[in-house]
Amino acid sequence: MSVYDKLSQLGITLPPVAVPAAAYVPFVQTGSMIFLSGHIARQDGKPWVGQLGLTMTTDEAKPAARAVAIDLLGTLDAACKAAGKDLNSVKRIVKVLSLVNSTATYTEQHLVTNGCSELIGEVFGPVGAHARSAFGVAQLPMGACVEIELIAELA
C-alpha cells in the first residue's frame, strides 16, 4: 500500500509546510538525507500549551505528539517533492528527537513521544522503525508541550 493510501485510510490530510517562526528553514536535504526542523505541537492552529507533570498528563500529551507527527509528514512530503520524489521514496525514517515540556520530576517523556512514533510506524510500516531520543526540557517555544524533529533517508 502506498504511503498516501495509508494516510487516506487513516483519515489524515497532510498540512502545508508551516512558515518558520524564526531564522531557520523547515528542512534541509544533503545527499539522500532529509533533516526536518523541530515542529511544535499545535491544536486548532495555535501552540498546544502545557507542561507535563504540572498542567498536563501523559495521556493528554500523547495526541499532541501524534499531531506533531502529522505536521512533520506534511513537511517531509514537501521536502520529498522538492527533491523530485514523494513519500513513497522514503527509504527509512532514521531518527526522531522529541523534546517534552516537563517538570523536573516527570519521567514519561518516552510515552508521550510514542504518539509520534506509533503513527510513523503505522504510516510507513517497517520503513518507519526509527532510532529515537525523548528528552524532558524546562520549556519550549510559546509554551508548547512537545517539539519533535525528524531525519529521513530517501531512496
N, C-alpha and C. Protein backbone atom coordinates (compact mmCIF):
# COMPACT_ATOMS: atom_id res chain seq x y z
N MET A 1 0.85 -1.18 0.00
CA MET A 1 0.00 0.00 0.00
C MET A 1 0.89 1.24 0.00
N SER A 2 0.53 2.23 -0.81
CA SER A 2 1.32 3.45 -0.85
C SER A 2 1.14 4.22 0.46
N VAL A 3 2.10 5.07 0.75
CA VAL A 3 2.03 5.90 1.95
C VAL A 3 0.79 6.79 1.87
N TYR A 4 0.49 7.32 0.70
CA TYR A 4 -0.67 8.21 0.55
C TYR A 4 -1.97 7.45 0.75
N ASP A 5 -2.04 6.21 0.30
CA ASP A 5 -3.23 5.38 0.53
C ASP A 5 -3.40 5.13 2.03
N LYS A 6 -2.30 4.86 2.72
CA LYS A 6 -2.36 4.62 4.16
C LYS A 6 -2.83 5.88 4.90
N LEU A 7 -2.31 7.04 4.50
CA LEU A 7 -2.75 8.29 5.12
C LEU A 7 -4.24 8.50 4.90
N SER A 8 -4.70 8.23 3.69
CA SER A 8 -6.12 8.37 3.37
C SER A 8 -6.95 7.41 4.22
N GLN A 9 -6.48 6.19 4.35
CA GLN A 9 -7.17 5.18 5.16
C GLN A 9 -7.29 5.62 6.61
N LEU A 10 -6.28 6.32 7.09
CA LEU A 10 -6.28 6.82 8.47
C LEU A 10 -7.04 8.14 8.62
N GLY A 11 -7.52 8.69 7.51
CA GLY A 11 -8.25 9.95 7.56
C GLY A 11 -7.35 11.16 7.77
N ILE A 12 -6.09 11.04 7.35
CA ILE A 12 -5.12 12.12 7.56
C ILE A 12 -4.91 12.89 6.27
N THR A 13 -5.08 14.20 6.34
CA THR A 13 -4.75 15.11 5.25
C THR A 13 -3.48 15.84 5.68
N LEU A 14 -2.47 15.80 4.83
CA LEU A 14 -1.21 16.44 5.19
C LEU A 14 -1.33 17.96 5.12
N PRO A 15 -0.86 18.64 6.14
CA PRO A 15 -0.91 20.10 6.15
C PRO A 15 0.21 20.68 5.29
N PRO A 16 0.06 21.93 4.87
CA PRO A 16 1.17 22.58 4.16
C PRO A 16 2.32 22.84 5.14
N VAL A 17 3.47 23.10 4.58
CA VAL A 17 4.64 23.42 5.41
C VAL A 17 4.38 24.73 6.14
N ALA A 18 4.62 24.73 7.44
CA ALA A 18 4.45 25.94 8.24
C ALA A 18 5.55 26.94 7.93
N VAL A 19 5.20 28.20 7.97
CA VAL A 19 6.19 29.26 7.78
C VAL A 19 7.05 29.32 9.04
N PRO A 20 8.38 29.28 8.89
CA PRO A 20 9.25 29.33 10.07
C PRO A 20 8.99 30.58 10.92
N ALA A 21 9.01 30.40 12.23
CA ALA A 21 8.77 31.50 13.16
C ALA A 21 10.06 32.21 13.56
N ALA A 22 11.19 31.77 13.05
CA ALA A 22 12.47 32.38 13.41
C ALA A 22 13.45 32.20 12.24
N ALA A 23 14.74 32.30 12.51
CA ALA A 23 15.76 32.27 11.47
C ALA A 23 16.22 30.84 11.18
N TYR A 24 15.38 30.08 10.48
CA TYR A 24 15.71 28.71 10.09
C TYR A 24 14.86 28.34 8.88
N VAL A 25 15.13 27.18 8.30
CA VAL A 25 14.33 26.66 7.20
C VAL A 25 13.62 25.40 7.69
N PRO A 26 12.49 25.03 7.07
CA PRO A 26 11.74 23.87 7.56
C PRO A 26 12.47 22.54 7.37
N PHE A 27 13.31 22.46 6.34
CA PHE A 27 14.05 21.22 6.10
C PHE A 27 15.30 21.52 5.30
N VAL A 28 16.25 20.58 5.40
CA VAL A 28 17.49 20.64 4.62
C VAL A 28 17.75 19.24 4.09
N GLN A 29 18.09 19.16 2.82
CA GLN A 29 18.50 17.89 2.24
C GLN A 29 19.98 17.94 1.95
N THR A 30 20.68 16.90 2.33
CA THR A 30 22.08 16.74 1.97
C THR A 30 22.25 15.29 1.53
N GLY A 31 22.65 15.09 0.29
CA GLY A 31 22.70 13.75 -0.25
C GLY A 31 21.32 13.14 -0.23
N SER A 32 21.20 11.94 0.30
CA SER A 32 19.89 11.28 0.36
C SER A 32 19.18 11.52 1.70
N MET A 33 19.79 12.31 2.56
CA MET A 33 19.22 12.55 3.89
C MET A 33 18.43 13.86 3.94
N ILE A 34 17.29 13.80 4.62
CA ILE A 34 16.46 14.99 4.84
C ILE A 34 16.35 15.20 6.34
N PHE A 35 16.68 16.41 6.77
CA PHE A 35 16.61 16.81 8.17
C PHE A 35 15.46 17.80 8.33
N LEU A 36 14.47 17.45 9.14
CA LEU A 36 13.35 18.35 9.37
C LEU A 36 13.59 19.13 10.66
N SER A 37 13.35 20.43 10.60
CA SER A 37 13.44 21.25 11.80
C SER A 37 12.39 20.82 12.80
N GLY A 38 12.59 21.19 14.05
CA GLY A 38 11.62 20.86 15.08
C GLY A 38 10.27 21.49 14.79
N HIS A 39 9.22 20.74 15.04
CA HIS A 39 7.84 21.20 14.90
C HIS A 39 7.20 21.15 16.28
N ILE A 40 6.57 22.25 16.69
CA ILE A 40 5.88 22.24 17.98
C ILE A 40 4.45 21.71 17.80
N ALA A 41 3.91 21.20 18.88
CA ALA A 41 2.53 20.72 18.86
C ALA A 41 1.59 21.91 18.68
N ARG A 42 0.61 21.72 17.79
CA ARG A 42 -0.40 22.75 17.55
C ARG A 42 -1.78 22.11 17.64
N GLN A 43 -2.70 22.89 18.17
CA GLN A 43 -4.09 22.47 18.27
C GLN A 43 -4.95 23.64 17.80
N ASP A 44 -5.77 23.41 16.80
CA ASP A 44 -6.60 24.46 16.22
C ASP A 44 -5.74 25.64 15.75
N GLY A 45 -4.56 25.33 15.20
CA GLY A 45 -3.69 26.36 14.63
C GLY A 45 -2.88 27.15 15.63
N LYS A 46 -3.03 26.85 16.91
CA LYS A 46 -2.30 27.58 17.96
C LYS A 46 -1.39 26.61 18.70
N PRO A 47 -0.33 27.12 19.34
CA PRO A 47 0.53 26.22 20.12
C PRO A 47 -0.29 25.43 21.13
N TRP A 48 0.00 24.12 21.19
CA TRP A 48 -0.66 23.22 22.16
C TRP A 48 0.14 23.36 23.44
N VAL A 49 -0.34 24.19 24.33
CA VAL A 49 0.41 24.61 25.52
C VAL A 49 0.19 23.64 26.67
N GLY A 50 1.26 23.39 27.41
CA GLY A 50 1.15 22.58 28.61
C GLY A 50 2.50 22.12 29.09
N GLN A 51 2.58 21.81 30.36
CA GLN A 51 3.80 21.26 30.94
C GLN A 51 3.46 19.95 31.63
N LEU A 52 4.11 18.89 31.17
CA LEU A 52 3.86 17.56 31.71
C LEU A 52 4.31 17.51 33.17
N GLY A 53 3.46 16.93 34.00
CA GLY A 53 3.75 16.85 35.42
C GLY A 53 3.22 18.05 36.19
N LEU A 54 2.68 19.05 35.47
CA LEU A 54 2.13 20.23 36.13
C LEU A 54 0.71 20.52 35.63
N THR A 55 0.58 20.78 34.33
CA THR A 55 -0.74 21.14 33.79
C THR A 55 -1.27 20.12 32.79
N MET A 56 -0.53 19.06 32.55
CA MET A 56 -0.90 18.11 31.51
C MET A 56 -0.44 16.71 31.90
N THR A 57 -1.24 15.70 31.50
CA THR A 57 -0.88 14.31 31.77
C THR A 57 -0.29 13.66 30.51
N THR A 58 0.30 12.51 30.70
CA THR A 58 0.85 11.74 29.58
C THR A 58 -0.24 11.45 28.56
N ASP A 59 -1.40 11.01 29.03
CA ASP A 59 -2.50 10.68 28.12
C ASP A 59 -3.00 11.89 27.35
N GLU A 60 -2.90 13.07 27.92
CA GLU A 60 -3.30 14.30 27.22
C GLU A 60 -2.25 14.73 26.21
N ALA A 61 -0.99 14.43 26.47
CA ALA A 61 0.09 14.89 25.60
C ALA A 61 0.39 13.95 24.44
N LYS A 62 0.07 12.68 24.58
CA LYS A 62 0.34 11.72 23.51
C LYS A 62 -0.35 12.13 22.20
N PRO A 63 -1.61 12.59 22.22
CA PRO A 63 -2.22 13.07 20.97
C PRO A 63 -1.51 14.32 20.40
N ALA A 64 -0.91 15.12 21.28
CA ALA A 64 -0.16 16.28 20.81
C ALA A 64 1.06 15.82 20.00
N ALA A 65 1.73 14.78 20.48
CA ALA A 65 2.88 14.24 19.74
C ALA A 65 2.43 13.62 18.42
N ARG A 66 1.26 13.02 18.40
CA ARG A 66 0.70 12.48 17.15
C ARG A 66 0.43 13.63 16.17
N ALA A 67 -0.11 14.74 16.68
CA ALA A 67 -0.37 15.91 15.84
C ALA A 67 0.93 16.45 15.25
N VAL A 68 1.99 16.44 16.04
CA VAL A 68 3.29 16.87 15.53
C VAL A 68 3.74 15.93 14.40
N ALA A 69 3.52 14.64 14.56
CA ALA A 69 3.90 13.68 13.51
C ALA A 69 3.20 14.00 12.20
N ILE A 70 1.94 14.38 12.26
CA ILE A 70 1.21 14.74 11.04
C ILE A 70 1.83 15.97 10.39
N ASP A 71 2.17 16.97 11.20
CA ASP A 71 2.84 18.16 10.66
C ASP A 71 4.20 17.80 10.06
N LEU A 72 4.95 16.94 10.74
CA LEU A 72 6.24 16.50 10.22
C LEU A 72 6.08 15.80 8.87
N LEU A 73 5.05 14.96 8.75
CA LEU A 73 4.81 14.27 7.48
C LEU A 73 4.47 15.25 6.37
N GLY A 74 3.76 16.32 6.69
CA GLY A 74 3.49 17.36 5.70
C GLY A 74 4.77 18.02 5.21
N THR A 75 5.67 18.29 6.14
CA THR A 75 6.95 18.89 5.77
C THR A 75 7.82 17.89 5.02
N LEU A 76 7.82 16.65 5.45
CA LEU A 76 8.59 15.62 4.75
C LEU A 76 8.07 15.44 3.32
N ASP A 77 6.77 15.50 3.14
CA ASP A 77 6.18 15.41 1.80
C ASP A 77 6.70 16.56 0.93
N ALA A 78 6.72 17.77 1.46
CA ALA A 78 7.23 18.92 0.72
C ALA A 78 8.71 18.76 0.39
N ALA A 79 9.47 18.23 1.34
CA ALA A 79 10.91 18.01 1.11
C ALA A 79 11.12 16.97 0.02
N CYS A 80 10.33 15.92 0.05
CA CYS A 80 10.43 14.88 -0.99
C CYS A 80 10.10 15.47 -2.35
N LYS A 81 9.05 16.25 -2.42
CA LYS A 81 8.64 16.87 -3.69
C LYS A 81 9.71 17.85 -4.20
N ALA A 82 10.36 18.56 -3.28
CA ALA A 82 11.44 19.46 -3.67
C ALA A 82 12.60 18.68 -4.29
N ALA A 83 12.72 17.42 -3.90
CA ALA A 83 13.77 16.55 -4.45
C ALA A 83 13.29 15.78 -5.68
N GLY A 84 12.06 16.10 -6.15
CA GLY A 84 11.52 15.41 -7.31
C GLY A 84 10.99 14.02 -7.00
N LYS A 85 10.64 13.79 -5.73
CA LYS A 85 10.15 12.47 -5.30
C LYS A 85 8.87 12.66 -4.50
N ASP A 86 8.43 11.60 -3.82
CA ASP A 86 7.28 11.71 -2.92
C ASP A 86 7.52 10.81 -1.71
N LEU A 87 6.54 10.74 -0.82
CA LEU A 87 6.72 9.97 0.42
C LEU A 87 6.97 8.49 0.19
N ASN A 88 6.55 7.97 -0.96
CA ASN A 88 6.83 6.57 -1.27
C ASN A 88 8.32 6.33 -1.55
N SER A 89 9.08 7.42 -1.70
CA SER A 89 10.52 7.32 -1.93
C SER A 89 11.32 7.30 -0.63
N VAL A 90 10.63 7.40 0.50
CA VAL A 90 11.34 7.36 1.78
C VAL A 90 11.86 5.94 1.99
N LYS A 91 13.18 5.86 2.09
CA LYS A 91 13.84 4.56 2.29
C LYS A 91 13.79 4.16 3.76
N ARG A 92 13.90 5.18 4.64
CA ARG A 92 13.92 4.90 6.07
C ARG A 92 13.65 6.18 6.85
N ILE A 93 12.83 6.08 7.88
CA ILE A 93 12.77 7.13 8.89
C ILE A 93 13.92 6.78 9.83
N VAL A 94 14.92 7.63 9.86
CA VAL A 94 16.16 7.31 10.55
C VAL A 94 16.09 7.63 12.04
N LYS A 95 15.60 8.84 12.37
CA LYS A 95 15.66 9.27 13.77
C LYS A 95 14.56 10.26 14.07
N VAL A 96 14.01 10.14 15.26
CA VAL A 96 13.07 11.11 15.81
C VAL A 96 13.68 11.62 17.11
N LEU A 97 13.67 12.93 17.29
CA LEU A 97 14.14 13.54 18.53
C LEU A 97 12.99 14.36 19.09
N SER A 98 12.60 14.04 20.31
CA SER A 98 11.43 14.66 20.93
C SER A 98 11.83 15.41 22.19
N LEU A 99 11.32 16.63 22.29
CA LEU A 99 11.51 17.46 23.47
C LEU A 99 10.15 17.64 24.12
N VAL A 100 10.05 17.28 25.38
CA VAL A 100 8.77 17.33 26.09
C VAL A 100 8.90 18.35 27.22
N ASN A 101 8.05 19.37 27.18
CA ASN A 101 8.00 20.41 28.21
C ASN A 101 7.51 19.75 29.50
N SER A 102 8.41 19.60 30.47
CA SER A 102 8.04 18.84 31.66
C SER A 102 8.74 19.33 32.91
N THR A 103 8.14 18.99 34.04
CA THR A 103 8.73 19.33 35.33
C THR A 103 9.96 18.45 35.57
N ALA A 104 10.72 18.82 36.57
CA ALA A 104 11.94 18.07 36.90
C ALA A 104 11.64 16.65 37.37
N THR A 105 10.46 16.39 37.87
CA THR A 105 10.13 15.06 38.39
C THR A 105 9.35 14.19 37.40
N TYR A 106 8.96 14.74 36.27
CA TYR A 106 8.20 13.98 35.27
C TYR A 106 9.14 13.04 34.52
N THR A 107 8.74 11.77 34.35
CA THR A 107 9.64 10.79 33.74
C THR A 107 9.02 9.98 32.60
N GLU A 108 7.92 10.43 32.03
CA GLU A 108 7.27 9.65 30.97
C GLU A 108 7.37 10.30 29.59
N GLN A 109 8.47 11.01 29.34
CA GLN A 109 8.67 11.64 28.04
C GLN A 109 8.58 10.62 26.91
N HIS A 110 9.12 9.44 27.14
CA HIS A 110 9.12 8.38 26.13
C HIS A 110 7.71 7.95 25.76
N LEU A 111 6.80 7.95 26.73
CA LEU A 111 5.42 7.56 26.47
C LEU A 111 4.67 8.63 25.69
N VAL A 112 4.96 9.90 25.96
CA VAL A 112 4.39 10.99 25.17
C VAL A 112 4.85 10.85 23.73
N THR A 113 6.13 10.62 23.53
CA THR A 113 6.72 10.55 22.20
C THR A 113 6.17 9.38 21.40
N ASN A 114 5.68 8.35 22.08
CA ASN A 114 5.06 7.24 21.36
C ASN A 114 3.92 7.70 20.46
N GLY A 115 3.26 8.81 20.80
CA GLY A 115 2.21 9.34 19.95
C GLY A 115 2.71 9.63 18.55
N CYS A 116 3.94 10.10 18.43
CA CYS A 116 4.58 10.35 17.14
C CYS A 116 5.09 9.05 16.53
N SER A 117 5.85 8.31 17.29
CA SER A 117 6.49 7.10 16.77
C SER A 117 5.48 6.07 16.27
N GLU A 118 4.40 5.90 17.01
CA GLU A 118 3.40 4.92 16.61
C GLU A 118 2.73 5.29 15.29
N LEU A 119 2.44 6.58 15.09
CA LEU A 119 1.83 6.99 13.83
C LEU A 119 2.80 6.80 12.66
N ILE A 120 4.06 7.17 12.86
CA ILE A 120 5.05 6.99 11.79
C ILE A 120 5.17 5.51 11.43
N GLY A 121 5.18 4.64 12.44
CA GLY A 121 5.23 3.21 12.17
C GLY A 121 4.01 2.73 11.43
N GLU A 122 2.85 3.26 11.78
CA GLU A 122 1.61 2.86 11.12
C GLU A 122 1.59 3.30 9.66
N VAL A 123 2.09 4.49 9.39
CA VAL A 123 2.09 5.04 8.03
C VAL A 123 3.14 4.36 7.14
N PHE A 124 4.34 4.17 7.66
CA PHE A 124 5.45 3.67 6.84
C PHE A 124 5.74 2.18 7.00
N GLY A 125 5.15 1.52 7.98
CA GLY A 125 5.47 0.12 8.20
C GLY A 125 6.92 -0.03 8.63
N PRO A 126 7.60 -1.10 8.20
CA PRO A 126 8.99 -1.35 8.62
C PRO A 126 9.94 -0.19 8.29
N VAL A 127 9.67 0.56 7.24
CA VAL A 127 10.50 1.72 6.87
C VAL A 127 10.43 2.79 7.96
N GLY A 128 9.35 2.78 8.73
CA GLY A 128 9.16 3.79 9.77
C GLY A 128 9.81 3.47 11.10
N ALA A 129 10.38 2.26 11.25
CA ALA A 129 11.08 1.92 12.51
C ALA A 129 12.32 2.78 12.62
N HIS A 130 12.42 3.55 13.68
CA HIS A 130 13.47 4.57 13.77
C HIS A 130 14.18 4.57 15.12
N ALA A 131 15.37 5.13 15.11
CA ALA A 131 16.06 5.43 16.36
C ALA A 131 15.36 6.64 16.97
N ARG A 132 15.48 6.81 18.30
CA ARG A 132 14.72 7.89 18.92
C ARG A 132 15.37 8.34 20.21
N SER A 133 15.19 9.62 20.49
CA SER A 133 15.53 10.19 21.79
C SER A 133 14.33 10.99 22.26
N ALA A 134 14.05 10.94 23.55
CA ALA A 134 12.97 11.73 24.15
C ALA A 134 13.52 12.40 25.40
N PHE A 135 13.52 13.71 25.38
CA PHE A 135 14.10 14.49 26.48
C PHE A 135 13.02 15.31 27.18
N GLY A 136 13.19 15.49 28.47
CA GLY A 136 12.40 16.46 29.21
C GLY A 136 13.14 17.77 29.22
N VAL A 137 12.42 18.86 28.95
CA VAL A 137 13.04 20.19 28.94
C VAL A 137 12.20 21.13 29.81
N ALA A 138 12.84 22.18 30.30
CA ALA A 138 12.17 23.11 31.21
C ALA A 138 11.11 23.96 30.51
N GLN A 139 11.25 24.19 29.21
CA GLN A 139 10.29 25.00 28.48
C GLN A 139 10.53 24.85 27.00
N LEU A 140 9.50 25.12 26.19
CA LEU A 140 9.59 25.09 24.73
C LEU A 140 9.03 26.39 24.18
N PRO A 141 9.34 26.72 22.92
CA PRO A 141 8.81 27.95 22.34
C PRO A 141 7.29 28.06 22.50
N MET A 142 6.83 29.23 22.87
CA MET A 142 5.42 29.56 23.02
C MET A 142 4.70 28.67 24.02
N GLY A 143 5.45 27.99 24.89
CA GLY A 143 4.85 27.15 25.92
C GLY A 143 4.33 25.82 25.42
N ALA A 144 4.70 25.45 24.18
CA ALA A 144 4.23 24.19 23.60
C ALA A 144 4.61 23.01 24.50
N CYS A 145 3.75 21.99 24.49
CA CYS A 145 4.01 20.82 25.33
C CYS A 145 5.04 19.88 24.72
N VAL A 146 5.14 19.85 23.39
CA VAL A 146 6.05 18.93 22.71
C VAL A 146 6.63 19.60 21.46
N GLU A 147 7.90 19.32 21.19
CA GLU A 147 8.54 19.70 19.93
C GLU A 147 9.30 18.47 19.44
N ILE A 148 9.16 18.16 18.15
CA ILE A 148 9.80 16.97 17.60
C ILE A 148 10.46 17.30 16.28
N GLU A 149 11.65 16.74 16.07
CA GLU A 149 12.33 16.82 14.77
C GLU A 149 12.53 15.43 14.23
N LEU A 150 12.83 15.33 12.93
CA LEU A 150 12.89 14.03 12.27
C LEU A 150 13.97 14.04 11.21
N ILE A 151 14.61 12.89 11.04
CA ILE A 151 15.59 12.67 9.98
C ILE A 151 15.11 11.50 9.15
N ALA A 152 15.11 11.66 7.83
CA ALA A 152 14.68 10.59 6.92
C ALA A 152 15.71 10.42 5.81
N GLU A 153 15.72 9.23 5.24
CA GLU A 153 16.59 8.92 4.10
C GLU A 153 15.71 8.62 2.90
N LEU A 154 16.08 9.20 1.75
CA LEU A 154 15.36 8.93 0.51
C LEU A 154 16.07 7.86 -0.28
N ALA A 155 15.29 7.08 -1.01
CA ALA A 155 15.86 6.06 -1.89
C ALA A 155 16.45 6.73 -3.12
